[in-house]
C-alpha atoms as a PDB file:
ATOM      1  CA  MET A   1       0.037  -0.117  -0.139  1.00  0.00           C
ATOM      2  CA  GLU A   2       1.671   3.499  -0.695  1.00  0.00           C
ATOM      3  CA  ASN A   3      -0.123   5.945   1.702  1.00  0.00           C
ATOM      4  CA  GLN A   4       0.432   4.449   4.577  1.00  0.00           C
ATOM      5  CA  ILE A   5      -0.274   6.901   7.829  1.00  0.00           C
ATOM      6  CA  GLN A   6       1.737   5.578  11.317  1.00  0.00           C
ATOM      7  CA  ILE A   7       0.474   6.786  14.265  1.00  0.00           C
ATOM      8  CA  ARG A   8       2.612   6.792  17.569  1.00  0.00           C
ATOM      9  CA  THR A   9       0.102   4.830  20.265  1.00  0.00           C
ATOM     10  CA  SER A  10       0.571   4.207  24.021  1.00  0.00           C
ATOM     11  CA  LEU A  11       0.118  -0.003  23.322  1.00  0.00           C
ATOM     12  CA  LYS A  12       2.138  -1.704  25.410  1.00  0.00           C
ATOM     13  CA  THR A  13       3.036  -5.629  25.523  1.00  0.00           C
ATOM     14  CA  TYR A  14       2.958  -7.298  29.382  1.00  0.00           C
ATOM     15  CA  ARG A  15       4.700 -10.769  29.477  1.00  0.00           C
ATOM     16  CA  PHE A  16       2.762 -12.620  32.126  1.00  0.00           C
ATOM     17  CA  ASN A  17       5.197 -15.559  33.809  1.00  0.00           C
ATOM     18  CA  ASP A  18       4.139 -18.090  36.398  1.00  0.00           C
ATOM     19  CA  GLN A  19       5.985 -18.345  39.584  1.00  0.00           C
ATOM     20  CA  ASN A  20       9.140 -20.740  37.830  1.00  0.00           C
ATOM     21  CA  GLY A  21       9.654 -17.713  35.436  1.00  0.00           C
ATOM     22  CA  ASN A  22       7.766 -19.591  32.916  1.00  0.00           C
ATOM     23  CA  HIS A  23       5.663 -17.583  30.062  1.00  0.00           C
ATOM     24  CA  LEU A  24       2.259 -17.933  30.159  1.00  0.00           C
ATOM     25  CA  PHE A  25       0.894 -15.614  27.891  1.00  0.00           C
ATOM     26  CA  ASP A  26       1.237 -11.842  26.487  1.00  0.00           C
ATOM     27  CA  ILE A  27      -1.091  -9.280  26.424  1.00  0.00           C
ATOM     28  CA  GLU A  28      -0.913  -5.968  24.197  1.00  0.00           C
ATOM     29  CA  LEU A  29      -2.954  -2.738  25.848  1.00  0.00           C
ATOM     30  CA  ASN A  30      -3.201   0.911  26.070  1.00  0.00           C
ATOM     31  CA  PRO A  31      -2.707   1.483  30.026  1.00  0.00           C
ATOM     32  CA  THR A  32      -3.268   5.106  29.310  1.00  0.00           C
ATOM     33  CA  ASP A  33      -6.638   5.092  27.389  1.00  0.00           C
ATOM     34  CA  ALA A  34      -8.753   7.319  29.139  1.00  0.00           C
ATOM     35  CA  ASP A  35     -11.867   5.190  29.055  1.00  0.00           C
ATOM     36  CA  ILE A  36     -10.205   2.535  30.702  1.00  0.00           C
ATOM     37  CA  ILE A  37     -10.866   3.884  34.551  1.00  0.00           C
ATOM     38  CA  ARG A  38     -14.400   3.631  33.371  1.00  0.00           C
ATOM     39  CA  ARG A  39     -14.048   0.274  32.387  1.00  0.00           C
ATOM     40  CA  ALA A  40     -12.378  -1.198  35.162  1.00  0.00           C
ATOM     41  CA  GLU A  41     -14.850   0.069  37.466  1.00  0.00           C
ATOM     42  CA  ILE A  42     -17.632  -1.575  35.838  1.00  0.00           C
ATOM     43  CA  VAL A  43     -15.724  -4.223  35.559  1.00  0.00           C
ATOM     44  CA  GLY A  44     -15.091  -4.352  39.529  1.00  0.00           C
ATOM     45  CA  LYS A  45     -18.763  -4.020  40.215  1.00  0.00           C
ATOM     46  CA  LYS A  46     -19.700  -6.878  37.876  1.00  0.00           C
ATOM     47  CA  LEU A  47     -17.620  -9.501  39.089  1.00  0.00           C
ATOM     48  CA  GLN A  48     -18.282  -8.709  42.850  1.00  0.00           C
ATOM     49  CA  GLU A  49     -21.943  -8.742  42.342  1.00  0.00           C
ATOM     50  CA  PHE A  50     -22.154 -12.325  40.662  1.00  0.00           C
ATOM     51  CA  LYS A  51     -22.739 -14.935  43.565  1.00  0.00           C
ATOM     52  CA  PRO A  52     -22.038 -18.057  42.181  1.00  0.00           C
ATOM     53  CA  LYS A  53     -24.217 -21.258  44.001  1.00  0.00           C
ATOM     54  CA  ASN A  54     -23.662 -24.132  42.271  1.00  0.00           C
ATOM     55  CA  VAL A  55     -21.653 -25.719  39.809  1.00  0.00           C
ATOM     56  CA  GLU A  56     -23.857 -24.244  36.423  1.00  0.00           C
ATOM     57  CA  ASP A  57     -23.367 -20.703  37.906  1.00  0.00           C
ATOM     58  CA  LEU A  58     -19.379 -20.801  38.200  1.00  0.00           C
ATOM     59  CA  ALA A  59     -19.410 -21.913  34.548  1.00  0.00           C
ATOM     60  CA  ALA A  60     -21.612 -18.683  33.579  1.00  0.00           C
ATOM     61  CA  TYR A  61     -19.042 -16.786  35.979  1.00  0.00           C
ATOM     62  CA  SER A  62     -15.940 -18.018  34.118  1.00  0.00           C
ATOM     63  CA  ASP A  63     -17.852 -17.227  30.987  1.00  0.00           C
ATOM     64  CA  GLU A  64     -18.960 -13.465  32.381  1.00  0.00           C
ATOM     65  CA  VAL A  65     -15.213 -13.379  33.603  1.00  0.00           C
ATOM     66  CA  LYS A  66     -13.574 -13.770  30.230  1.00  0.00           C
ATOM     67  CA  LYS A  67     -16.237 -11.507  28.371  1.00  0.00           C
ATOM     68  CA  GLN A  68     -15.062  -8.841  31.306  1.00  0.00           C
ATOM     69  CA  LEU A  69     -11.267  -9.049  30.959  1.00  0.00           C
ATOM     70  CA  ASP A  70     -12.094  -8.226  27.205  1.00  0.00           C
ATOM     71  CA  PHE A  71     -14.239  -5.471  27.969  1.00  0.00           C
ATOM     72  CA  LEU A  72     -11.918  -3.919  30.555  1.00  0.00           C
ATOM     73  CA  VAL A  73      -8.830  -4.087  27.430  1.00  0.00           C
ATOM     74  CA  ASN A  74     -11.042  -3.318  24.828  1.00  0.00           C
ATOM     75  CA  ALA A  75      -9.652  -6.071  22.898  1.00  0.00           C
ATOM     76  CA  ASP A  76     -10.058 -10.145  22.685  1.00  0.00           C
ATOM     77  CA  ILE A  77      -7.365 -10.461  25.162  1.00  0.00           C
ATOM     78  CA  SER A  78      -9.175 -13.942  27.162  1.00  0.00           C
ATOM     79  CA  GLY A  79      -8.601 -16.823  24.796  1.00  0.00           C
ATOM     80  CA  LYS A  80      -4.909 -16.556  25.079  1.00  0.00           C
ATOM     81  CA  VAL A  81      -4.913 -15.089  28.898  1.00  0.00           C
ATOM     82  CA  PHE A  82      -6.760 -18.765  29.911  1.00  0.00           C
ATOM     83  CA  GLN A  83      -5.729 -20.950  27.263  1.00  0.00           C
ATOM     84  CA  HIS A  84      -3.564 -23.172  29.595  1.00  0.00           C
ATOM     85  CA  CYS A  85      -5.594 -22.171  33.116  1.00  0.00           C
ATOM     86  CA  GLY A  86      -9.308 -21.566  33.542  1.00  0.00           C
ATOM     87  CA  PRO A  87     -10.211 -18.398  35.188  1.00  0.00           C
ATOM     88  CA  MET A  88     -11.709 -20.319  38.237  1.00  0.00           C
ATOM     89  CA  SER A  89      -8.642 -22.232  38.875  1.00  0.00           C
ATOM     90  CA  VAL A  90      -7.868 -21.813  41.963  1.00  0.00           C
ATOM     91  CA  LEU A  91      -4.045 -20.906  42.871  1.00  0.00           C
ATOM     92  CA  ASP A  92      -2.117 -22.278  45.763  1.00  0.00           C
ATOM     93  CA  SER A  93      -3.026 -18.661  47.403  1.00  0.00           C
ATOM     94  CA  GLY A  94      -6.470 -19.568  47.384  1.00  0.00           C
ATOM     95  CA  ARG A  95      -6.944 -16.974  44.869  1.00  0.00           C
ATOM     96  CA  PHE A  96      -8.843 -17.558  41.440  1.00  0.00           C
ATOM     97  CA  PHE A  97      -6.369 -17.041  38.169  1.00  0.00           C
ATOM     98  CA  PHE A  98      -8.246 -14.542  37.323  1.00  0.00           C
ATOM     99  CA  GLU A  99      -8.206 -12.656  40.155  1.00  0.00           C
ATOM    100  CA  GLU A 100      -4.294 -12.655  40.131  1.00  0.00           C
ATOM    101  CA  VAL A 101      -4.370 -11.520  36.003  1.00  0.00           C
ATOM    102  CA  TYR A 102      -7.715  -8.918  36.955  1.00  0.00           C
ATOM    103  CA  ASP A 103      -5.258  -7.229  40.004  1.00  0.00           C
ATOM    104  CA  ALA A 104      -2.055  -7.226  37.515  1.00  0.00           C
ATOM    105  CA  ILE A 105      -3.774  -5.527  34.911  1.00  0.00           C
ATOM    106  CA  ILE A 106      -5.628  -2.889  37.280  1.00  0.00           C
ATOM    107  CA  LYS A 107      -2.079  -2.390  39.186  1.00  0.00           C
ATOM    108  CA  ILE A 108      -0.364  -1.365  35.442  1.00  0.00           C
ATOM    109  CA  ILE A 109      -3.216   1.127  34.916  1.00  0.00           C
ATOM    110  CA  GLY A 110      -2.518   2.481  37.960  1.00  0.00           C
ATOM    111  CA  THR A 111       1.288   2.465  37.653  1.00  0.00           C
ATOM    112  CA  GLU A 112       0.980   3.759  34.009  1.00  0.00           C
ATOM    113  CA  ILE A 113      -1.771   6.785  34.684  1.00  0.00           C
ATOM    114  CA  GLU A 114       0.134   8.380  37.541  1.00  0.00           C
ATOM    115  CA  GLU A 115       3.732   8.073  35.725  1.00  0.00           C
ATOM    116  CA  LYS A 116       1.716  10.139  32.128  1.00  0.00           C
ATOM    117  CA  SER A 117      -0.150  12.022  34.739  1.00  0.00           C
ATOM    118  CA  LYS A 118       3.212  13.541  36.146  1.00  0.00           C
ATOM    119  CA  GLN A 119       4.742  14.094  32.790  1.00  0.00           C
ATOM    120  CA  ALA A 120       1.877  15.748  31.637  1.00  0.00           C
ATOM    121  CA  GLU A 121       1.625  18.021  34.641  1.00  0.00           C
ATOM    122  CA  LYS A 122       5.789  18.702  34.161  1.00  0.00           C
ATOM    123  CA  ARG A 123       4.904  19.327  30.189  1.00  0.00           C
ATOM    124  CA  ILE A 124       1.924  22.109  31.230  1.00  0.00           C
ATOM    125  CA  SER A 125       4.252  23.402  33.995  1.00  0.00           C
ATOM    126  CA  GLN A 126       6.574  24.953  31.238  1.00  0.00           C
ATOM    127  CA  TYR A 127       4.229  26.793  29.641  1.00  0.00           C
ATOM    128  CA  THR A 128       2.023  28.128  32.884  1.00  0.00           C
ATOM    129  CA  GLN A 129       5.038  28.730  34.953  1.00  0.00           C
ATOM    130  CA  LYS A 130       5.996  32.306  33.247  1.00  0.00           C
ATOM    131  CA  TYR A 131       2.307  33.303  34.027  1.00  0.00           C
ATOM    132  CA  GLN A 132       2.325  32.430  37.930  1.00  0.00           C
ATOM    133  CA  LYS A 133       2.840  35.336  40.588  1.00  0.00           C
ATOM    134  CA  LYS A 134       6.190  34.818  42.349  1.00  0.00           C
END
């Protein structure tokens, strides 16, 4: 294609490994997506609302977890995230696998947004500094 436009995005790839350093999966996401905080709040509420009562509920919850994880990052990542370990797999810690993944993604988002906010403040202050009273 002759007419190509290249756009620099904030997409980053994150490699997830197990406790022994073995590669589990990679995900690509934009942790500074302006809408990701809103989606994180929605996903957090949805995951807390569901109270499984039987095996059928667990299966439905597992499907909902996959759907919500895809919604959170605005991409189809659940297939590769859960290819070896289902969302409801109980880990040695007693937590579900999806909880570890979800918490890791939330931590990434928080760290990245904080870092980018500081960079933006610094850049803006360069322009506004001369207008501040001394």
